[in-house]
């Protein structure tokens, strides 16, 4: 199975350069430093629970049922003008999430906020 950070790297390339800075997209190792990762430890999540959490926080851009992987757009900020791209996959009942958001001059940790927002929705 393909590394989830690599899937996110390809997703950011696919869904728009406006969501990434040039320096971040030089190669996947540089990109990896900007990615926020979360993994649940419970081991009892289903595709239905994952999908419900996605619809709570954002929109599905792409769904791969056989690989149990979703590409997600998560709106952020007060008027939801910023957004983060994320990839979520179920592995052995655990949810593995990688999120990336383009930052401006002031780092607001948007990828971390997106990951936290998603994990909070997953737990409810």
Protein backbone atom coordinates (compact mmCIF):
# COMPACT_ATOMS: atom_id res chain seq x y z
CA UNK A 1 0.00 0.00 0.00
CA UNK A 2 1.27 3.49 -0.88
CA UNK A 3 2.56 5.78 1.87
CA UNK A 4 -0.22 8.17 2.92
CA UNK A 5 2.08 11.21 2.85
CA UNK A 6 2.95 10.40 -0.77
CA UNK A 7 -0.78 10.16 -1.57
CA UNK A 8 -1.30 13.58 0.04
CA UNK A 9 1.68 15.01 -1.89
CA UNK A 10 0.11 13.80 -5.16
CA UNK A 11 -3.30 15.12 -4.06
CA UNK A 12 -1.93 18.61 -3.41
CA UNK A 13 -0.29 18.57 -6.84
CA UNK A 14 -3.54 17.37 -8.44
CA UNK A 15 -5.98 19.73 -6.73
CA UNK A 16 -4.14 22.98 -7.22
CA UNK A 17 -0.93 24.85 -6.85
CA UNK A 18 -2.79 27.54 -4.89
CA UNK A 19 -2.90 25.12 -1.97
CA UNK A 20 0.88 24.68 -1.83
CA UNK A 21 3.98 26.79 -1.89
CA UNK A 22 6.78 26.08 -4.34
CA UNK A 23 9.34 25.27 -1.68
CA UNK A 24 7.00 22.70 -0.08
CA UNK A 25 6.52 20.93 -3.40
CA UNK A 26 10.21 20.43 -4.28
CA UNK A 27 10.08 16.81 -3.18
CA UNK A 28 8.12 14.61 -0.84
CA UNK A 29 10.77 14.78 1.93
CA UNK A 30 10.51 18.60 2.15
CA UNK A 31 6.71 18.28 1.98
CA UNK A 32 6.67 15.67 4.77
CA UNK A 33 7.93 18.29 7.27
CA UNK A 34 4.78 20.40 6.70
CA UNK A 35 2.31 17.51 7.04
CA UNK A 36 0.34 16.91 10.21
CA UNK A 37 -0.30 13.21 10.94
CA UNK A 38 -2.77 11.58 13.30
CA UNK A 39 -3.43 7.88 13.95
CA UNK A 40 -6.18 6.52 16.19
CA UNK A 41 -5.35 3.65 18.52
CA UNK A 42 -8.83 2.23 19.16
CA UNK A 43 -8.92 -0.17 16.23
CA UNK A 44 -12.68 -0.26 15.82
CA UNK A 45 -13.46 2.38 13.16
CA UNK A 46 -15.49 1.55 10.07
CA UNK A 47 -15.80 3.21 6.66
CA UNK A 48 -19.22 4.51 7.73
CA UNK A 49 -17.77 6.24 10.83
CA UNK A 50 -14.97 7.71 8.71
CA UNK A 51 -17.42 8.99 6.10
CA UNK A 52 -19.67 10.53 8.76
CA UNK A 53 -16.70 12.40 10.26
CA UNK A 54 -15.69 13.66 6.82
CA UNK A 55 -19.15 15.02 6.09
CA UNK A 56 -19.15 16.72 9.50
CA UNK A 57 -15.95 18.69 8.81
CA UNK A 58 -15.65 19.03 5.05
CA UNK A 59 -16.13 17.52 1.61
CA UNK A 60 -14.96 14.35 -0.09
CA UNK A 61 -12.88 15.06 -3.18
CA UNK A 62 -12.18 11.43 -4.04
CA UNK A 63 -13.16 8.08 -2.58
CA UNK A 64 -11.34 4.78 -3.11
CA UNK A 65 -13.47 2.10 -1.50
CA UNK A 66 -11.11 -0.78 -2.23
CA UNK A 67 -8.14 0.98 -0.58
CA UNK A 68 -10.43 2.47 2.11
CA UNK A 69 -8.96 5.91 1.35
CA UNK A 70 -10.56 9.36 1.14
CA UNK A 71 -9.18 12.65 -0.17
CA UNK A 72 -10.78 15.45 1.81
CA UNK A 73 -11.12 19.24 1.66
CA UNK A 74 -11.51 20.75 5.15
CA UNK A 75 -12.55 24.43 5.33
CA UNK A 76 -10.92 26.42 8.15
CA UNK A 77 -10.96 29.87 9.68
CA UNK A 78 -13.83 32.01 10.87
CA UNK A 79 -15.57 32.53 7.51
CA UNK A 80 -14.11 29.24 6.17
CA UNK A 81 -11.95 31.07 3.62
CA UNK A 82 -8.87 28.90 4.23
CA UNK A 83 -8.81 25.20 3.55
CA UNK A 84 -6.65 22.17 4.13
CA UNK A 85 -6.28 19.06 2.03
CA UNK A 86 -6.23 15.76 3.88
CA UNK A 87 -6.08 12.07 3.13
CA UNK A 88 -7.65 9.55 5.49
CA UNK A 89 -7.39 5.77 5.38
CA UNK A 90 -8.52 2.92 7.58
CA UNK A 91 -5.72 0.49 8.42
CA UNK A 92 -6.59 -2.44 10.69
CA UNK A 93 -9.55 -0.56 12.13
CA UNK A 94 -7.47 2.54 12.93
CA UNK A 95 -7.87 5.83 11.09
CA UNK A 96 -4.66 7.29 9.66
CA UNK A 97 -4.94 10.96 8.64
CA UNK A 98 -2.43 13.26 6.93
CA UNK A 99 -3.29 16.95 6.47
CA UNK A 100 -1.59 19.86 4.67
CA UNK A 101 -2.48 23.54 4.42
CA UNK A 102 -0.63 26.38 2.74
CA UNK A 103 0.63 28.91 5.27
CA UNK A 104 1.16 32.60 4.70
CA UNK A 105 3.80 34.82 6.27
CA UNK A 106 2.44 34.08 9.73
CA UNK A 107 2.27 30.38 10.48
CA UNK A 108 -1.20 29.65 11.87
CA UNK A 109 -0.77 25.86 12.02
CA UNK A 110 -3.73 25.26 9.72
CA UNK A 111 -2.83 21.62 9.03
CA UNK A 112 -2.77 20.92 12.78
CA UNK A 113 -6.12 22.65 13.22
CA UNK A 114 -7.60 20.62 10.34
CA UNK A 115 -6.30 17.35 11.81
CA UNK A 116 -7.65 18.24 15.26
CA UNK A 117 -11.04 19.24 13.80
CA UNK A 118 -11.27 15.93 11.94
CA UNK A 119 -10.23 13.78 14.90
CA UNK A 120 -12.73 15.60 17.16
CA UNK A 121 -15.51 14.85 14.65
CA UNK A 122 -14.39 11.22 14.46
CA UNK A 123 -14.68 10.81 18.23
CA UNK A 124 -18.24 12.17 18.44
